[in-house]
Amino acid sequence: MKTRKFEIAVAGYSDYRFKTLARDEVEAVVKIKCFLRKPNAECTILRLLSNNHLRENESCRGQVAAR
C-alpha cells in the first residue's frame, strides 16, 4: 500500500493540527494517539494531503540536506 499524508485534529489540542504519514486513516489515528500517549483521544481527520505536496516537501528536504 502507498503511504499518504494525513492532517488530524485532536480534541483538547485545538491550537494544533497533527500531520502524519500512514497507509490509511486508522493507522494515522493510531500513530497520533500513540504520540500523545492518549489512547482514548478523539481524533478527526481534516484532510488527506496530496502526493504532490509530499513530493514538494521531500524535494525541499533534499535541497537543505545538500547544503
PDB file of N, CA and C in Angstrom:
ATOM      1  N   MET A   1       0.826  -1.198   0.000  1.00  0.00           N
ATOM      2  CA  MET A   1       0.000   0.000   0.000  1.00  0.00           C
ATOM      3  C   MET A   1       0.864   1.254   0.000  1.00  0.00           C
ATOM      4  N   LYS A   2       0.336   2.288  -0.602  1.00  0.00           N
ATOM      5  CA  LYS A   2       1.050   3.551  -0.705  1.00  0.00           C
ATOM      6  C   LYS A   2       0.894   4.375   0.577  1.00  0.00           C
ATOM      7  N   THR A   3       1.961   5.040   0.984  1.00  0.00           N
ATOM      8  CA  THR A   3       1.904   5.914   2.154  1.00  0.00           C
ATOM      9  C   THR A   3       1.336   7.265   1.747  1.00  0.00           C
ATOM     10  N   ARG A   4       0.408   7.764   2.570  1.00  0.00           N
ATOM     11  CA  ARG A   4      -0.214   9.065   2.313  1.00  0.00           C
ATOM     12  C   ARG A   4      -0.041   9.955   3.542  1.00  0.00           C
ATOM     13  N   LYS A   5      -0.202  11.239   3.357  1.00  0.00           N
ATOM     14  CA  LYS A   5      -0.060  12.190   4.452  1.00  0.00           C
ATOM     15  C   LYS A   5      -1.442  12.645   4.909  1.00  0.00           C
ATOM     16  N   PHE A   6      -1.670  12.578   6.228  1.00  0.00           N
ATOM     17  CA  PHE A   6      -2.955  12.960   6.810  1.00  0.00           C
ATOM     18  C   PHE A   6      -2.771  14.135   7.763  1.00  0.00           C
ATOM     19  N   GLU A   7      -3.763  15.005   7.803  1.00  0.00           N
ATOM     20  CA  GLU A   7      -3.802  16.091   8.785  1.00  0.00           C
ATOM     21  C   GLU A   7      -4.947  15.774   9.744  1.00  0.00           C
ATOM     22  N   ILE A   8      -4.631  15.769  11.053  1.00  0.00           N
ATOM     23  CA  ILE A   8      -5.584  15.311  12.061  1.00  0.00           C
ATOM     24  C   ILE A   8      -5.726  16.344  13.176  1.00  0.00           C
ATOM     25  N   ALA A   9      -6.979  16.579  13.588  1.00  0.00           N
ATOM     26  CA  ALA A   9      -7.271  17.434  14.742  1.00  0.00           C
ATOM     27  C   ALA A   9      -7.608  16.513  15.913  1.00  0.00           C
ATOM     28  N   VAL A  10      -7.189  16.921  17.124  1.00  0.00           N
ATOM     29  CA  VAL A  10      -7.438  16.121  18.319  1.00  0.00           C
ATOM     30  C   VAL A  10      -8.151  16.995  19.348  1.00  0.00           C
ATOM     31  N   ALA A  11      -9.218  16.455  19.944  1.00  0.00           N
ATOM     32  CA  ALA A  11      -9.954  17.173  20.983  1.00  0.00           C
ATOM     33  C   ALA A  11      -9.008  17.484  22.142  1.00  0.00           C
ATOM     34  N   GLY A  12      -9.041  18.716  22.612  1.00  0.00           N
ATOM     35  CA  GLY A  12      -8.164  19.141  23.698  1.00  0.00           C
ATOM     36  C   GLY A  12      -6.881  19.797  23.202  1.00  0.00           C
ATOM     37  N   TYR A  13      -6.640  19.722  21.897  1.00  0.00           N
ATOM     38  CA  TYR A  13      -5.467  20.341  21.284  1.00  0.00           C
ATOM     39  C   TYR A  13      -5.933  21.248  20.141  1.00  0.00           C
ATOM     40  N   SER A  14      -6.822  22.166  20.450  1.00  0.00           N
ATOM     41  CA  SER A  14      -7.445  22.982  19.409  1.00  0.00           C
ATOM     42  C   SER A  14      -6.473  23.887  18.656  1.00  0.00           C
ATOM     43  N   ASP A  15      -5.334  24.196  19.268  1.00  0.00           N
ATOM     44  CA  ASP A  15      -4.352  25.063  18.600  1.00  0.00           C
ATOM     45  C   ASP A  15      -3.432  24.300  17.662  1.00  0.00           C
ATOM     46  N   TYR A  16      -3.548  22.972  17.634  1.00  0.00           N
ATOM     47  CA  TYR A  16      -2.614  22.150  16.873  1.00  0.00           C
ATOM     48  C   TYR A  16      -3.319  21.345  15.793  1.00  0.00           C
ATOM     49  N   ARG A  17      -2.600  21.105  14.713  1.00  0.00           N
ATOM     50  CA  ARG A  17      -3.009  20.199  13.651  1.00  0.00           C
ATOM     51  C   ARG A  17      -1.848  19.229  13.482  1.00  0.00           C
ATOM     52  N   PHE A  18      -2.111  17.968  13.705  1.00  0.00           N
ATOM     53  CA  PHE A  18      -1.067  16.953  13.618  1.00  0.00           C
ATOM     54  C   PHE A  18      -1.035  16.381  12.214  1.00  0.00           C
ATOM     55  N   LYS A  19       0.166  16.189  11.693  1.00  0.00           N
ATOM     56  CA  LYS A  19       0.338  15.609  10.360  1.00  0.00           C
ATOM     57  C   LYS A  19       1.173  14.356  10.494  1.00  0.00           C
ATOM     58  N   THR A  20       0.777  13.318   9.766  1.00  0.00           N
ATOM     59  CA  THR A  20       1.499  12.057   9.831  1.00  0.00           C
ATOM     60  C   THR A  20       1.405  11.329   8.497  1.00  0.00           C
ATOM     61  N   LEU A  21       2.364  10.466   8.254  1.00  0.00           N
ATOM     62  CA  LEU A  21       2.350   9.603   7.084  1.00  0.00           C
ATOM     63  C   LEU A  21       1.824   8.242   7.509  1.00  0.00           C
ATOM     64  N   ALA A  22       0.878   7.702   6.736  1.00  0.00           N
ATOM     65  CA  ALA A  22       0.304   6.400   7.058  1.00  0.00           C
ATOM     66  C   ALA A  22      -0.317   5.792   5.803  1.00  0.00           C
ATOM     67  N   ARG A  23      -0.585   4.480   5.891  1.00  0.00           N
ATOM     68  CA  ARG A  23      -1.203   3.784   4.754  1.00  0.00           C
ATOM     69  C   ARG A  23      -2.701   4.037   4.670  1.00  0.00           C
ATOM     70  N   ASP A  24      -3.348   4.245   5.836  1.00  0.00           N
ATOM     71  CA  ASP A  24      -4.786   4.508   5.839  1.00  0.00           C
ATOM     72  C   ASP A  24      -5.159   5.351   7.055  1.00  0.00           C
ATOM     73  N   GLU A  25      -6.445   5.689   7.145  1.00  0.00           N
ATOM     74  CA  GLU A  25      -6.933   6.577   8.203  1.00  0.00           C
ATOM     75  C   GLU A  25      -6.740   5.983   9.592  1.00  0.00           C
ATOM     76  N   VAL A  26      -6.984   4.685   9.718  1.00  0.00           N
ATOM     77  CA  VAL A  26      -6.865   4.024  11.020  1.00  0.00           C
ATOM     78  C   VAL A  26      -5.424   4.089  11.526  1.00  0.00           C
ATOM     79  N   GLU A  27      -4.479   3.780  10.661  1.00  0.00           N
ATOM     80  CA  GLU A  27      -3.069   3.837  11.058  1.00  0.00           C
ATOM     81  C   GLU A  27      -2.669   5.259  11.448  1.00  0.00           C
ATOM     82  N   ALA A  28      -3.167   6.251  10.718  1.00  0.00           N
ATOM     83  CA  ALA A  28      -2.841   7.647  11.024  1.00  0.00           C
ATOM     84  C   ALA A  28      -3.329   8.037  12.417  1.00  0.00           C
ATOM     85  N   VAL A  29      -4.555   7.654  12.738  1.00  0.00           N
ATOM     86  CA  VAL A  29      -5.130   7.980  14.045  1.00  0.00           C
ATOM     87  C   VAL A  29      -4.371   7.261  15.157  1.00  0.00           C
ATOM     88  N   VAL A  30      -4.038   5.994  14.942  1.00  0.00           N
ATOM     89  CA  VAL A  30      -3.296   5.229  15.949  1.00  0.00           C
ATOM     90  C   VAL A  30      -1.930   5.867  16.204  1.00  0.00           C
ATOM     91  N   LYS A  31      -1.257   6.306  15.156  1.00  0.00           N
ATOM     92  CA  LYS A  31       0.049   6.957  15.320  1.00  0.00           C
ATOM     93  C   LYS A  31      -0.055   8.213  16.181  1.00  0.00           C
ATOM     94  N   ILE A  32      -1.077   9.023  15.940  1.00  0.00           N
ATOM     95  CA  ILE A  32      -1.254  10.260  16.703  1.00  0.00           C
ATOM     96  C   ILE A  32      -1.595   9.938  18.159  1.00  0.00           C
ATOM     97  N   LYS A  33      -2.458   8.970  18.383  1.00  0.00           N
ATOM     98  CA  LYS A  33      -2.816   8.590  19.751  1.00  0.00           C
ATOM     99  C   LYS A  33      -1.594   8.075  20.509  1.00  0.00           C
ATOM    100  N   CYS A  34      -0.761   7.285  19.852  1.00  0.00           N
ATOM    101  CA  CYS A  34       0.469   6.788  20.491  1.00  0.00           C
ATOM    102  C   CYS A  34       1.430   7.938  20.781  1.00  0.00           C
ATOM    103  N   PHE A  35       1.550   8.870  19.830  1.00  0.00           N
ATOM    104  CA  PHE A  35       2.431  10.019  20.014  1.00  0.00           C
ATOM    105  C   PHE A  35       2.013  10.843  21.235  1.00  0.00           C
ATOM    106  N   LEU A  36       0.714  11.038  21.398  1.00  0.00           N
ATOM    107  CA  LEU A  36       0.189  11.833  22.507  1.00  0.00           C
ATOM    108  C   LEU A  36       0.078  11.027  23.805  1.00  0.00           C
ATOM    109  N   ARG A  37       0.226   9.705  23.705  1.00  0.00           N
ATOM    110  CA  ARG A  37       0.055   8.802  24.845  1.00  0.00           C
ATOM    111  C   ARG A  37      -1.343   8.940  25.451  1.00  0.00           C
ATOM    112  N   LYS A  38      -2.335   9.086  24.562  1.00  0.00           N
ATOM    113  CA  LYS A  38      -3.738   9.206  24.973  1.00  0.00           C
ATOM    114  C   LYS A  38      -4.571   8.271  24.099  1.00  0.00           C
ATOM    115  N   PRO A  39      -4.700   7.005  24.518  1.00  0.00           N
ATOM    116  CA  PRO A  39      -5.414   6.041  23.677  1.00  0.00           C
ATOM    117  C   PRO A  39      -6.897   6.347  23.474  1.00  0.00           C
ATOM    118  N   ASN A  40      -7.482   7.160  24.324  1.00  0.00           N
ATOM    119  CA  ASN A  40      -8.902   7.489  24.201  1.00  0.00           C
ATOM    120  C   ASN A  40      -9.148   8.858  23.566  1.00  0.00           C
ATOM    121  N   ALA A  41      -8.113   9.470  23.002  1.00  0.00           N
ATOM    122  CA  ALA A  41      -8.259  10.795  22.397  1.00  0.00           C
ATOM    123  C   ALA A  41      -9.230  10.744  21.217  1.00  0.00           C
ATOM    124  N   GLU A  42     -10.025  11.800  21.084  1.00  0.00           N
ATOM    125  CA  GLU A  42     -10.953  11.906  19.958  1.00  0.00           C
ATOM    126  C   GLU A  42     -10.248  12.603  18.805  1.00  0.00           C
ATOM    127  N   CYS A  43     -10.065  11.874  17.718  1.00  0.00           N
ATOM    128  CA  CYS A  43      -9.347  12.403  16.557  1.00  0.00           C
ATOM    129  C   CYS A  43     -10.285  12.589  15.381  1.00  0.00           C
ATOM    130  N   THR A  44     -10.034  13.635  14.610  1.00  0.00           N
ATOM    131  CA  THR A  44     -10.804  13.916  13.403  1.00  0.00           C
ATOM    132  C   THR A  44      -9.835  14.139  12.256  1.00  0.00           C
ATOM    133  N   ILE A  45     -10.002  13.377  11.199  1.00  0.00           N
ATOM    134  CA  ILE A  45      -9.147  13.570  10.025  1.00  0.00           C
ATOM    135  C   ILE A  45      -9.688  14.769   9.260  1.00  0.00           C
ATOM    136  N   LEU A  46      -8.851  15.787   9.132  1.00  0.00           N
ATOM    137  CA  LEU A  46      -9.284  17.019   8.459  1.00  0.00           C
ATOM    138  C   LEU A  46      -9.177  16.898   6.956  1.00  0.00           C
ATOM    139  N   ARG A  47      -8.050  16.370   6.503  1.00  0.00           N
ATOM    140  CA  ARG A  47      -7.885  16.213   5.059  1.00  0.00           C
ATOM    141  C   ARG A  47      -6.731  15.276   4.769  1.00  0.00           C
ATOM    142  N   LEU A  48      -6.809  14.702   3.613  1.00  0.00           N
ATOM    143  CA  LEU A  48      -5.745  13.871   3.091  1.00  0.00           C
ATOM    144  C   LEU A  48      -4.918  14.776   2.192  1.00  0.00           C
ATOM    145  N   LEU A  49      -3.666  14.975   2.529  1.00  0.00           N
ATOM    146  CA  LEU A  49      -2.831  15.875   1.746  1.00  0.00           C
ATOM    147  C   LEU A  49      -2.358  15.169   0.489  1.00  0.00           C
ATOM    148  N   SER A  50      -2.249  15.899  -0.599  1.00  0.00           N
ATOM    149  CA  SER A  50      -1.927  15.291  -1.890  1.00  0.00           C
ATOM    150  C   SER A  50      -0.489  14.809  -1.958  1.00  0.00           C
ATOM    151  N   ASN A  51      -0.247  13.873  -2.857  1.00  0.00           N
ATOM    152  CA  ASN A  51       1.099  13.355  -3.068  1.00  0.00           C
ATOM    153  C   ASN A  51       2.020  14.424  -3.633  1.00  0.00           C
ATOM    154  N   ASN A  52       1.474  15.363  -4.403  1.00  0.00           N
ATOM    155  CA  ASN A  52       2.302  16.443  -4.939  1.00  0.00           C
ATOM    156  C   ASN A  52       2.898  17.264  -3.805  1.00  0.00           C
ATOM    157  N   HIS A  53       2.106  17.482  -2.752  1.00  0.00           N
ATOM    158  CA  HIS A  53       2.587  18.210  -1.587  1.00  0.00           C
ATOM    159  C   HIS A  53       3.721  17.435  -0.919  1.00  0.00           C
ATOM    160  N   LEU A  54       3.581  16.110  -0.850  1.00  0.00           N
ATOM    161  CA  LEU A  54       4.630  15.271  -0.262  1.00  0.00           C
ATOM    162  C   LEU A  54       5.912  15.358  -1.077  1.00  0.00           C
ATOM    163  N   ARG A  55       5.782  15.270  -2.388  1.00  0.00           N
ATOM    164  CA  ARG A  55       6.972  15.354  -3.243  1.00  0.00           C
ATOM    165  C   ARG A  55       7.669  16.692  -3.077  1.00  0.00           C
ATOM    166  N   GLU A  56       6.885  17.749  -2.954  1.00  0.00           N
ATOM    167  CA  GLU A  56       7.440  19.084  -2.758  1.00  0.00           C
ATOM    168  C   GLU A  56       8.217  19.152  -1.437  1.00  0.00           C
ATOM    169  N   ASN A  57       7.664  18.583  -0.358  1.00  0.00           N
ATOM    170  CA  ASN A  57       8.355  18.574   0.928  1.00  0.00           C
ATOM    171  C   ASN A  57       9.647  17.782   0.859  1.00  0.00           C
ATOM    172  N   GLU A  58       9.615  16.615   0.222  1.00  0.00           N
ATOM    173  CA  GLU A  58      10.805  15.786   0.104  1.00  0.00           C
ATOM    174  C   GLU A  58      11.866  16.500  -0.724  1.00  0.00           C
ATOM    175  N   SER A  59      11.456  17.210  -1.753  1.00  0.00           N
ATOM    176  CA  SER A  59      12.387  17.957  -2.580  1.00  0.00           C
ATOM    177  C   SER A  59      13.076  19.046  -1.750  1.00  0.00           C
ATOM    178  N   CYS A  60      12.317  19.754  -0.918  1.00  0.00           N
ATOM    179  CA  CYS A  60      12.884  20.795  -0.070  1.00  0.00           C
ATOM    180  C   CYS A  60      13.864  20.205   0.927  1.00  0.00           C
ATOM    181  N   ARG A  61      13.515  19.060   1.501  1.00  0.00           N
ATOM    182  CA  ARG A  61      14.417  18.401   2.442  1.00  0.00           C
ATOM    183  C   ARG A  61      15.724  18.025   1.777  1.00  0.00           C
ATOM    184  N   GLY A  62      15.632  17.518   0.559  1.00  0.00           N
ATOM    185  CA  GLY A  62      16.838  17.126  -0.183  1.00  0.00           C
ATOM    186  C   GLY A  62      17.728  18.310  -0.468  1.00  0.00           C
ATOM    187  N   GLN A  63      17.125  19.455  -0.810  1.00  0.00           N
ATOM    188  CA  GLN A  63      17.901  20.655  -1.089  1.00  0.00           C
ATOM    189  C   GLN A  63      18.601  21.163   0.170  1.00  0.00           C
ATOM    190  N   VAL A  64      17.922  21.113   1.301  1.00  0.00           N
ATOM    191  CA  VAL A  64      18.504  21.581   2.557  1.00  0.00           C
ATOM    192  C   VAL A  64      19.630  20.649   2.978  1.00  0.00           C
ATOM    193  N   ALA A  65      19.424  19.340   2.811  1.00  0.00           N
ATOM    194  CA  ALA A  65      20.448  18.366   3.196  1.00  0.00           C
ATOM    195  C   ALA A  65      21.705  18.515   2.341  1.00  0.00           C
ATOM    196  N   ALA A  66      21.527  18.895   1.076  1.00  0.00           N
ATOM    197  CA  ALA A  66      22.656  19.047   0.172  1.00  0.00           C
ATOM    198  C   ALA A  66      23.535  20.241   0.552  1.00  0.00           C
ATOM    199  N   ARG A  67      22.964  21.218   1.199  1.00  0.00           N
ATOM    200  CA  ARG A  67      23.715  22.417   1.582  1.00  0.00           C
ATOM    201  C   ARG A  67      24.532  22.080   2.753  1.00  0.00           C
TER     202      ARG A  67
END
